[in-house]
Protein backbone atom coordinates (compact mmCIF):
# COMPACT_ATOMS: atom_id res chain seq x y z
CA MET A 1 -22.10 7.77 -18.20
CA SER A 2 -19.69 4.85 -17.84
CA ASN A 3 -16.70 4.91 -15.48
CA ARG A 4 -14.44 4.70 -18.54
CA LYS A 5 -16.03 7.76 -20.13
CA ILE A 6 -15.90 9.66 -16.84
CA GLY A 7 -12.20 8.85 -16.56
CA ALA A 8 -11.56 10.07 -20.13
CA VAL A 9 -13.39 13.35 -19.52
CA LEU A 10 -11.56 14.04 -16.29
CA ARG A 11 -8.18 13.25 -17.77
CA SER A 12 -8.85 15.73 -20.56
CA LEU A 13 -9.73 18.44 -18.05
CA GLY A 14 -6.56 17.89 -16.06
CA VAL A 15 -5.58 17.25 -12.49
CA ALA A 16 -6.61 20.65 -11.13
CA LEU A 17 -10.21 20.27 -12.27
CA LEU A 18 -10.24 16.67 -11.07
CA ALA A 19 -9.62 17.85 -7.51
CA LEU A 20 -12.65 20.12 -7.75
CA CYS A 21 -14.98 17.62 -9.40
CA PHE A 22 -14.64 14.89 -6.82
CA SER A 23 -16.24 16.17 -3.62
CA VAL A 24 -17.54 12.67 -2.91
CA PRO A 25 -15.72 9.33 -3.16
CA ALA A 26 -15.18 8.24 -6.76
CA HIS A 27 -15.98 4.81 -8.14
CA ALA A 28 -13.01 2.48 -7.71
CA ALA A 29 -12.11 -0.16 -10.27
CA SER A 30 -13.43 -2.75 -7.82
CA PRO A 31 -16.56 -2.75 -5.67
CA PRO A 32 -16.24 -2.28 -1.90
CA GLY A 33 -14.59 -5.24 -0.21
CA ASP A 34 -12.15 -5.72 2.63
CA VAL A 35 -9.67 -3.11 1.32
CA VAL A 36 -11.58 -1.09 -1.29
CA GLY A 37 -13.76 1.44 0.52
CA LYS A 38 -12.12 0.58 3.83
CA VAL A 39 -9.73 1.99 6.44
CA THR A 40 -6.61 -0.18 6.71
CA VAL A 41 -3.75 0.18 9.20
CA GLY A 42 -0.26 -1.20 9.03
CA TYR A 43 0.51 -3.43 12.02
CA GLN A 44 4.08 -4.29 13.02
CA GLY A 45 3.45 -6.71 15.88
CA TRP A 46 7.20 -6.94 16.37
CA PHE A 47 7.68 -5.96 20.02
CA SER A 48 8.99 -8.66 22.35
CA ALA A 49 10.02 -8.63 26.00
CA ALA A 50 12.40 -10.47 28.26
CA GLY A 51 10.35 -13.13 30.02
CA ASP A 52 7.38 -13.13 27.63
CA GLY A 53 7.89 -16.83 26.83
CA SER A 54 8.18 -16.17 23.10
CA PRO A 55 10.75 -17.83 20.82
CA VAL A 56 12.83 -14.64 21.07
CA ASN A 57 12.11 -14.20 24.81
CA ASN A 58 14.07 -10.96 24.95
CA TRP A 59 13.60 -7.27 24.28
CA GLY A 60 12.96 -6.57 20.62
CA HIS A 61 12.49 -3.29 18.75
CA MET A 62 12.99 -1.19 21.86
CA ASN A 63 14.46 1.75 19.96
CA LEU A 64 11.24 3.59 20.75
CA GLU A 65 10.41 7.14 19.69
CA ASN A 66 6.96 7.07 21.33
CA TRP A 67 6.26 5.49 24.71
CA PRO A 68 3.05 3.45 24.98
CA ASP A 69 0.17 4.28 27.29
CA MET A 70 0.17 1.07 29.32
CA ARG A 71 -2.92 1.66 31.45
CA GLU A 72 -5.17 -0.85 29.68
CA TYR A 73 -2.77 -3.78 29.22
CA THR A 74 -3.36 -6.84 31.38
CA GLN A 75 0.14 -8.25 30.80
CA SER A 76 3.27 -6.11 30.96
CA TYR A 77 7.02 -6.45 31.55
CA GLN A 78 9.35 -4.33 33.64
CA THR A 79 11.92 -2.51 31.52
CA THR A 80 15.32 -1.19 32.55
CA TYR A 81 14.11 2.40 32.25
CA PRO A 82 13.56 4.50 35.38
CA ASN A 83 10.05 5.13 36.62
CA LEU A 84 7.65 7.30 34.66
CA GLY A 85 7.22 10.94 35.58
CA ASN A 86 4.06 10.01 37.51
CA GLY A 87 6.01 7.50 39.62
CA GLN A 88 4.63 4.39 37.94
CA PRO A 89 7.10 1.67 36.86
CA ALA A 90 8.22 1.84 33.22
CA LYS A 91 6.65 -1.28 31.76
CA MET A 92 6.22 -2.48 28.19
CA PHE A 93 3.88 -4.88 26.41
CA SER A 94 4.85 -7.81 24.20
CA SER A 95 3.22 -8.38 20.81
CA TYR A 96 3.60 -12.11 21.51
CA ASP A 97 0.84 -12.02 24.13
CA GLN A 98 -2.63 -12.75 22.80
CA SER A 99 -4.01 -10.25 25.31
CA THR A 100 -1.93 -7.47 23.72
CA VAL A 101 -3.16 -8.17 20.20
CA ASN A 102 -6.73 -8.47 21.50
CA ILE A 103 -6.48 -5.00 23.07
CA HIS A 104 -5.11 -3.52 19.86
CA PHE A 105 -7.84 -5.03 17.72
CA ASN A 106 -10.48 -3.91 20.18
CA TRP A 107 -9.18 -0.35 19.76
CA MET A 108 -9.47 -0.82 16.00
CA ALA A 109 -13.06 -2.01 16.33
CA GLN A 110 -13.92 0.90 18.62
CA ASN A 111 -12.62 3.39 16.07
CA GLY A 112 -13.88 2.22 12.72
CA ILE A 113 -10.66 0.61 11.51
CA ASP A 114 -11.72 -2.18 9.19
CA THR A 115 -8.54 -4.02 8.25
CA ALA A 116 -4.96 -4.51 9.45
CA ALA A 117 -1.95 -5.37 7.28
CA LEU A 118 0.58 -7.49 9.17
CA GLN A 119 4.14 -6.59 8.20
CA ARG A 120 6.20 -9.68 7.31
CA PHE A 121 9.83 -9.10 6.42
CA GLY A 122 11.56 -11.08 3.70
CA ASN A 123 14.64 -11.66 5.85
CA GLU A 124 12.66 -13.08 8.78
CA ILE A 125 10.98 -16.08 7.15
CA THR A 126 13.78 -18.63 6.93
CA PRO A 127 12.31 -22.02 7.92
CA GLY A 128 13.49 -23.19 11.32
CA SER A 129 14.68 -19.76 12.46
CA THR A 130 13.76 -18.30 15.82
CA ILE A 131 12.53 -15.05 14.29
CA LYS A 132 10.24 -16.89 11.87
CA ALA A 133 8.71 -18.81 14.77
CA GLN A 134 8.12 -15.46 16.49
CA ARG A 135 6.48 -13.89 13.45
CA ASP A 136 4.36 -16.98 12.74
CA SER A 137 3.01 -16.96 16.29
CA VAL A 138 2.08 -13.28 16.13
CA ALA A 139 0.31 -13.92 12.81
CA VAL A 140 -1.88 -16.57 14.42
CA LYS A 141 -2.64 -14.29 17.36
CA MET A 142 -3.59 -11.57 14.91
CA MET A 143 -5.96 -13.96 13.17
CA ASN A 144 -7.55 -14.84 16.52
CA ALA A 145 -8.01 -11.18 17.46
CA ALA A 146 -9.44 -10.26 14.07
CA GLN A 147 -11.95 -13.08 14.27
CA ALA A 148 -13.00 -12.05 17.77
CA THR A 149 -13.51 -8.38 16.89
CA GLY A 150 -14.95 -8.61 13.39
CA ARG A 151 -11.87 -7.04 11.78
CA LYS A 152 -10.03 -8.23 8.67
CA PHE A 153 -6.29 -8.76 8.21
CA TYR A 154 -3.82 -9.63 5.46
CA ILE A 155 -0.12 -10.28 4.96
CA MET A 156 2.05 -7.39 3.79
CA TYR A 157 5.48 -8.59 2.73
CA ASP A 158 8.17 -5.99 3.38
CA MET A 159 10.65 -6.73 0.61
CA SER A 160 13.38 -4.50 2.03
CA GLY A 161 14.51 -7.77 3.59
CA GLY A 162 14.61 -9.62 0.27
CA THR A 163 12.31 -11.64 -1.97
CA ALA A 164 13.93 -15.06 -2.33
CA GLN A 165 11.61 -16.88 0.08
CA LEU A 166 8.30 -15.08 -0.46
CA GLN A 167 6.65 -17.69 -2.67
CA SER A 168 7.59 -20.66 -0.53
CA ASP A 169 6.59 -18.79 2.61
CA TRP A 170 3.19 -17.97 1.16
CA THR A 171 2.51 -21.52 0.03
CA ASN A 172 4.10 -23.52 2.82
CA THR A 173 3.48 -21.28 5.84
CA ILE A 174 0.72 -18.74 5.24
CA VAL A 175 -1.64 -21.02 3.30
CA ASN A 176 -0.78 -24.61 4.25
CA THR A 177 0.63 -24.42 7.80
CA LEU A 178 -0.90 -21.43 9.54
CA HIS A 179 -4.02 -21.60 7.33
CA LEU A 180 -4.41 -17.84 7.58
CA THR A 181 -6.21 -17.49 4.26
CA SER A 182 -8.79 -20.03 5.40
CA SER A 183 -9.85 -17.75 8.24
CA SER A 184 -13.13 -15.89 7.95
CA ALA A 185 -11.15 -12.82 9.02
CA TYR A 186 -8.58 -12.97 6.23
CA ALA A 187 -9.17 -9.99 3.94
CA LYS A 188 -10.74 -10.72 0.57
CA GLN A 189 -11.18 -8.34 -2.31
CA ASN A 190 -13.16 -9.39 -5.36
CA GLY A 191 -13.37 -12.79 -3.68
CA LYS A 192 -9.58 -13.17 -3.59
CA PRO A 193 -7.20 -13.25 -0.60
CA VAL A 194 -5.27 -9.99 -0.32
CA VAL A 195 -1.49 -9.77 -0.22
CA CYS A 196 0.68 -6.65 -0.35
CA LEU A 197 4.20 -6.54 -1.79
CA TRP A 198 5.82 -3.50 -0.18
CA GLY A 199 8.97 -2.04 -1.72
CA LEU A 200 8.03 -2.82 -5.29
CA GLY A 201 9.91 -0.52 -7.68
CA TYR A 202 11.97 1.50 -5.22
CA THR A 203 15.39 2.54 -6.48
CA TRP A 204 16.91 0.08 -4.01
CA PHE A 205 14.66 -2.78 -5.14
CA SER A 206 16.90 -5.36 -6.79
CA LEU A 207 14.51 -7.34 -8.99
CA SER A 208 14.57 -6.55 -12.68
CA PRO A 209 11.27 -5.45 -14.24
CA THR A 210 10.92 -8.93 -15.71
CA ASP A 211 11.43 -10.59 -12.33
CA GLY A 212 9.29 -8.03 -10.53
CA LEU A 213 6.43 -8.64 -12.96
CA ALA A 214 6.89 -12.39 -12.54
CA LEU A 215 6.60 -12.01 -8.76
CA VAL A 216 3.37 -10.01 -9.01
CA ASN A 217 1.94 -12.47 -11.52
CA TRP A 218 2.94 -15.45 -9.39
CA PHE A 219 0.78 -14.18 -6.54
CA LYS A 220 -2.04 -13.37 -8.93
CA ASN A 221 -1.79 -16.92 -10.29
CA GLN A 222 -2.23 -18.19 -6.72
CA GLY A 223 -5.61 -16.46 -6.82
CA CYS A 224 -4.49 -13.39 -4.85
CA TYR A 225 -5.54 -9.77 -5.09
CA VAL A 226 -2.15 -8.04 -5.16
CA ILE A 227 -1.45 -4.61 -3.66
CA GLY A 228 1.78 -2.95 -4.71
CA GLY A 229 3.37 -0.99 -1.88
CA VAL A 230 5.15 1.45 -4.16
CA PRO A 231 7.30 4.60 -4.00
CA GLY A 232 5.61 7.96 -3.78
CA GLN A 233 6.79 8.87 -7.30
CA TRP A 234 5.73 5.58 -8.88
CA ARG A 235 3.46 7.23 -11.44
CA THR A 236 6.20 9.45 -12.88
CA ASN A 237 8.89 6.75 -12.63
CA SER A 238 11.25 9.27 -11.06
CA GLY A 239 12.77 10.22 -7.72
CA ASP A 240 12.44 7.28 -5.32
CA SER A 241 11.03 5.06 -8.10
CA ARG A 242 12.92 3.07 -10.67
CA ALA A 243 12.37 4.38 -14.18
CA ASP A 244 11.64 0.97 -15.67
CA TYR A 245 8.81 -0.36 -13.47
CA ALA A 246 5.68 1.13 -15.09
CA ASN A 247 4.47 -2.23 -16.41
CA VAL A 248 5.00 -3.86 -13.02
CA TYR A 249 2.98 -1.18 -11.25
CA THR A 250 0.05 -1.52 -13.63
CA ALA A 251 0.05 -5.30 -13.17
CA CYS A 252 -1.00 -4.80 -9.54
CA ASN A 253 -4.68 -4.84 -8.61
CA MET A 254 -4.14 -1.89 -6.27
CA VAL A 255 -1.29 0.48 -5.45
CA MET A 256 -0.50 2.07 -2.12
CA ALA A 257 2.03 4.88 -2.60
CA TRP A 258 4.15 5.28 0.54
CA ALA A 259 3.89 8.81 1.95
CA VAL A 260 5.80 8.79 5.25
CA GLY A 261 8.19 11.74 5.12
CA ARG A 262 6.10 13.68 2.63
CA VAL A 263 4.81 17.10 3.63
CA VAL A 264 1.37 18.46 2.82
CA ASP A 265 2.10 21.40 0.55
CA ALA A 266 0.76 22.78 -2.73
CA SER A 267 1.88 19.62 -4.55
CA TYR A 268 0.09 17.19 -2.26
CA GLN A 269 -3.46 17.47 -3.63
CA PRO A 270 -2.36 17.16 -7.29
CA TRP A 271 -0.22 14.16 -6.33
CA VAL A 272 -3.16 12.28 -4.79
CA SER A 273 -5.55 13.34 -7.56
CA GLY A 274 -3.06 12.34 -10.23
CA ASP A 275 -2.49 8.92 -8.69
CA LEU A 276 -6.22 8.30 -8.50
CA ALA A 277 -6.78 9.41 -12.11
CA TYR A 278 -3.96 7.16 -13.31
CA CYS A 279 -5.38 4.18 -11.44
CA ASN A 280 -8.87 4.82 -12.80
CA ALA A 281 -7.46 5.01 -16.32
CA HIS A 282 -5.65 1.70 -15.93
CA GLY A 283 -8.37 -0.28 -14.17
CA MET A 284 -6.52 -0.32 -10.84
CA ASP A 285 -7.68 0.41 -7.30
CA TYR A 286 -5.99 3.14 -5.28
CA GLN A 287 -5.17 3.22 -1.57
CA PRO A 288 -3.54 6.52 -0.54
CA ASP A 289 -1.31 6.50 2.52
CA ALA A 290 -1.80 8.84 5.51
CA TYR A 291 0.41 9.19 8.59
CA PRO A 292 0.23 11.33 11.76
CA GLY A 293 3.84 12.59 11.68
CA THR A 294 7.21 10.98 12.21
CA SER A 295 10.48 11.31 14.12
CA PHE A 296 13.71 9.27 14.36
CA PHE A 297 15.75 11.03 17.04
CA ASN A 298 16.13 8.11 19.47
CA SER A 299 17.30 5.87 16.62
CA ASN A 300 19.47 8.32 14.65
CA GLY A 301 20.49 10.93 17.20
CA PRO A 302 21.04 14.57 16.21
CA ALA A 303 21.12 13.61 12.52
CA SER A 304 17.31 13.39 12.83
CA PRO A 305 15.73 16.31 14.70
CA LYS A 306 13.28 15.67 17.46
CA ASN A 307 9.71 15.80 16.19
CA GLN A 308 11.01 16.06 12.63
CA TYR A 309 7.60 15.94 10.93
CA PRO A 310 5.28 17.42 13.58
CA ARG A 311 1.79 16.10 14.11
CA ASN A 312 0.50 19.58 14.89
CA HIS A 313 -2.11 18.05 17.20
CA GLY A 314 -3.82 16.27 14.31
CA ASP A 315 -3.89 19.08 11.76
CA PHE A 316 -1.16 17.43 9.68
CA MET A 317 -2.97 14.11 9.40
CA TRP A 318 -6.36 15.72 8.81
CA ALA A 319 -4.93 17.74 5.91
CA GLN A 320 -4.06 14.41 4.28
CA PHE A 321 -7.54 13.00 4.90
CA ALA A 322 -9.10 16.14 3.44
CA ALA A 323 -6.95 15.99 0.30
CA MET A 324 -7.84 12.33 -0.20
CA ARG A 325 -11.55 12.99 0.17
CA ASN A 326 -11.33 16.03 -2.10
CA ALA A 327 -9.61 13.89 -4.73
CA GLY A 328 -12.35 11.28 -4.50
CA ALA A 329 -10.38 8.45 -2.88
CA SER A 330 -12.63 5.92 -1.14
CA SER A 331 -9.96 3.89 0.68
CA VAL A 332 -7.05 4.75 2.93
CA TYR A 333 -3.98 3.05 4.40
CA ILE A 334 -2.71 4.38 7.73
CA SER A 335 1.00 4.29 8.49
CA MET A 336 0.97 2.91 11.15
CA PHE A 337 -1.00 1.47 14.05
CA ASP A 338 1.80 0.48 16.44
CA GLU A 339 5.01 1.83 14.86
CA MET A 340 6.54 3.52 17.91
CA ASN A 341 10.06 3.28 16.47
CA GLU A 342 9.36 5.94 13.84
CA ALA A 343 6.65 7.77 15.83
CA THR A 344 3.97 7.03 13.24
CA SER A 345 1.80 5.11 15.70
CA ILE A 346 -1.86 6.10 16.02
CA PHE A 347 -2.58 3.80 18.96
CA LYS A 348 -2.50 4.96 22.56
CA CYS A 349 0.82 6.58 23.45
CA ALA A 350 2.09 8.82 26.24
CA GLU A 351 0.30 12.15 26.41
CA ASP A 352 3.00 14.12 28.26
CA THR A 353 6.18 13.76 30.33
CA SER A 354 4.26 12.32 33.28
CA MET A 355 3.76 9.17 31.19
CA ILE A 356 7.36 8.59 29.99
CA PRO A 357 10.50 7.47 31.88
CA VAL A 358 12.19 10.34 33.70
CA ASN A 359 15.43 11.75 32.30
CA ASN A 360 14.60 10.31 28.87
CA TRP A 361 13.21 11.91 25.73
CA PHE A 362 10.27 10.38 23.92
CA LEU A 363 7.95 12.16 21.55
CA THR A 364 4.83 12.83 23.61
CA LEU A 365 1.48 13.74 22.12
CA ASP A 366 1.61 17.26 23.59
CA ALA A 367 4.88 18.06 21.79
CA ASP A 368 3.17 20.67 19.64
CA GLY A 369 1.85 22.61 22.62
CA VAL A 370 -1.66 21.14 22.84
CA HIS A 371 -2.61 18.42 25.30
CA VAL A 372 -4.43 15.55 23.60
CA ALA A 373 -5.66 12.28 25.07
CA SER A 374 -3.78 9.08 24.30
CA ASP A 375 -6.68 7.84 22.17
CA TYR A 376 -6.91 11.06 20.17
CA TYR A 377 -5.29 9.73 16.99
CA LEU A 378 -7.53 6.69 17.03
CA ARG A 379 -10.56 8.98 17.22
CA LEU A 380 -9.07 11.25 14.55
CA THR A 381 -8.61 8.23 12.28
CA CYS A 382 -12.22 7.24 12.93
CA ASP A 383 -13.45 10.67 11.84
CA GLY A 384 -11.08 10.79 8.87
CA GLY A 385 -12.23 7.37 7.73
CA LYS A 386 -15.86 8.44 7.93
CA MET A 387 -15.11 11.51 5.81
CA ILE A 388 -13.26 9.49 3.18
CA LYS A 389 -16.13 7.00 3.02
CA GLY A 390 -18.57 9.86 2.62
CA SER A 391 -20.54 9.27 5.79
CA ILE A 392 -19.68 12.77 7.09
CA PRO A 393 -19.23 15.87 4.93
CA TYR A 394 -15.90 17.05 3.57
CA GLN A 395 -14.29 19.55 5.93
CA THR A 396 -10.87 21.15 6.01
CA THR A 397 -10.64 21.26 9.82
CA HIS A 398 -11.06 18.17 11.94
CA PRO A 399 -14.09 17.68 14.22
CA THR A 400 -12.25 15.49 16.73
CA PRO A 401 -12.03 16.81 20.33
CA PHE A 402 -8.54 16.70 21.82
CA THR A 403 -9.85 15.11 25.01
CA LEU A 404 -13.15 13.68 26.23
CA SER A 405 -14.53 15.55 29.22
CA GLY A 406 -17.69 13.48 29.54
CA VAL A 407 -19.88 10.76 28.03
CA THR A 408 -21.45 11.44 24.62
CA PHE A 409 -24.33 9.42 23.17
CA TYR A 410 -24.93 9.21 19.40
CA GLN A 411 -28.06 8.48 17.44
CA ASP A 412 -26.32 6.13 14.99
CA THR A 413 -23.55 3.54 15.19
CA LEU A 414 -19.86 4.48 14.98
CA TYR A 415 -20.55 7.80 16.72
CA SER A 416 -22.57 9.12 13.80
CA GLY A 417 -25.80 11.06 13.44
CA ALA A 418 -26.96 13.51 16.08
CA ALA A 419 -24.86 13.75 19.24
CA SER A 420 -25.86 14.50 22.80
CA GLN A 421 -24.22 17.05 25.02
CA SER A 422 -21.18 15.88 26.97
CA LEU A 423 -22.53 14.31 30.16
CA ALA A 424 -20.62 14.67 33.44
CA LYS A 425 -20.60 12.01 36.12
CA GLY A 426 -23.97 11.65 37.81
CA ASN A 427 -27.36 9.96 37.60
CA TYR A 428 -29.72 10.80 34.73
CA THR A 429 -33.41 9.93 34.57
CA LEU A 430 -35.36 9.84 31.31
CA THR A 431 -36.25 13.53 31.61
CA GLN A 432 -32.71 14.53 32.52
CA LEU A 433 -31.26 12.57 29.60
CA ALA A 434 -33.71 14.24 27.22
CA ALA A 435 -32.58 17.63 28.50
CA LYS A 436 -29.01 16.67 27.59
CA GLY A 437 -29.95 15.66 24.04
CA VAL A 438 -30.57 11.94 24.63
CA PRO A 439 -34.22 11.21 23.70
CA ASN A 440 -35.82 8.05 25.03
CA ASP A 441 -34.90 4.82 23.21
CA TRP A 442 -32.60 6.71 20.84
CA ALA A 443 -28.87 5.97 21.29
CA SER A 444 -26.86 3.53 19.14
CA SER A 445 -23.25 4.28 20.19
CA MET A 446 -21.32 6.06 22.91
CA ARG A 447 -17.91 7.59 23.69
CA ILE A 448 -16.68 7.14 27.28
CA PRO A 449 -13.59 8.82 28.80
CA PHE A 450 -10.87 6.51 30.06
CA GLY A 451 -11.57 5.17 33.54
CA TRP A 452 -15.28 6.06 33.53
CA LYS A 453 -18.21 3.66 33.77
CA VAL A 454 -21.75 3.93 32.42
CA ILE A 455 -24.61 1.81 33.76
CA ALA A 456 -27.46 2.16 31.27
CA TYR A 457 -31.06 1.09 31.97
CA SER A 458 -33.92 0.19 29.65
CA ASP A 459 -36.51 1.97 31.83
CA ASP A 460 -36.78 5.25 33.66
CA ASN A 461 -35.44 5.75 37.19
CA PHE A 462 -32.68 3.13 36.82
CA THR A 463 -34.96 0.12 36.38
CA GLY A 464 -35.38 -2.61 33.83
CA ALA A 465 -32.57 -4.35 31.97
CA SER A 466 -29.12 -2.85 32.52
CA TRP A 467 -25.80 -2.70 30.71
CA THR A 468 -22.44 -1.76 32.26
CA LEU A 469 -20.04 -0.18 29.75
CA THR A 470 -16.50 0.93 30.54
CA SER A 471 -15.08 1.95 27.14
CA ASP A 472 -16.09 3.41 23.81
CA THR A 473 -18.95 1.39 22.34
CA PRO A 474 -19.46 2.02 18.61
CA ASN A 475 -22.20 -0.48 17.90
CA PHE A 476 -25.03 -1.00 20.37
CA PRO A 477 -26.81 -3.39 17.94
CA GLY A 478 -23.78 -5.68 18.11
CA LEU A 479 -24.06 -6.22 21.86
CA SER A 480 -25.98 -9.18 23.21
CA PRO A 481 -28.36 -8.40 24.77
CA SER A 482 -28.51 -5.16 22.83
CA PRO A 483 -29.19 -1.73 24.35
CA ASN A 484 -29.79 -0.24 20.90
CA ASP A 485 -32.62 2.34 21.00
CA MET A 486 -33.48 1.11 24.49
CA ILE A 487 -31.72 3.42 26.96
CA SER A 488 -34.07 5.42 29.20
CA SER A 489 -31.86 6.30 32.18
CA CYS A 490 -28.23 5.87 33.21
CA LYS A 491 -25.64 6.30 35.91
CA ILE A 492 -22.25 7.71 34.95
CA GLN A 493 -19.48 6.97 37.42
């Protein structure tokens, strides 16, 4: 049966039956590429620090709601905050440093995140301006990090800052000066460079439908695959959406309906299923948006309650992943990777009050009464992405451990297939590994708790070739020399 006929049948049965029919990812309008069938994260890259040597060279976007876990950064800057609860100085990273972006993209690679969308604001791209120089530099550093880690990236224009300079910026800066689209790491879909226009069709969006359609078509005429970053109620042309933008939405190759601030209630599943059905009917790709929770207290004060949309130690985000998989979505956009200002960040943030400046409030990861490791939301995203892609079964409760108490080996890459027991620190011969669920010459990936080290050996009794690993390693075949299906003994320290 053709995709078109399937779409017609499902539309006739209605949204409720659609949610039941799709227990596996549905066929998108486009084949898998760098966004279709992939996990994408939004990346701000907008943090700067006094003394970082950047064009801004001062603190930027320090209205933080989360505090970062700084233990892995090689370059940091002393803030004016008092020491952390554990006595360590309160330091901050700068997105201008290549080392920072490298660390972030390494975390993406370790956790199955395929693609990152760099936010680029319409009011920050005036030629010759300091802020444009800042954003251009971060874009190049992002390209470098993506190339080094095998990730993809694309430009996501945030049009809340205006649209007047988008076309000239794309042509003069993105394509012909920074040469981002010439990079092997620049995201392509259907052979075309990807660009996202966020804000399209919101009630505050000033372009008329004619001008909005012209903007979308201009980028398509440049050979781009265009994602519309649209309001949550885009399909019904109501609420946060303009009523006159239906033709602009359907001109996009893909839509990503913004969900931050939306709760997961009885209307959530029909919303996702309905969006997917509409996209299928109109030959469009669909990229639903998931977020861990959000809070604005440090920016807005009492007008925004602390922990306004609780994470519920991952249950909130997993409910979104489950609804997307149940609907049949095969792609997902994560809001956001590093957005600490709205507490939507999934990267490594402070676990508890010992990791934030004393006498200050920041939303810590244990706010809902359960202690989780700083990398927990990265690992949760990894598992959610695997479920959406269909590589692990649909499940309504997440499989992600809150913390890692030991080393775990996996039979397949990206922590898939059979898993070993959790191994404590110690030395393990071939026989001892087998007793812990690690057969000889079997492992293809490994999770390692922060601060631990694994020395793996190709032969029994700690002999033969060796590999020293100090962080999560999702792809043994990608290492050179490779330990894939070669580990016979190890020391865990």
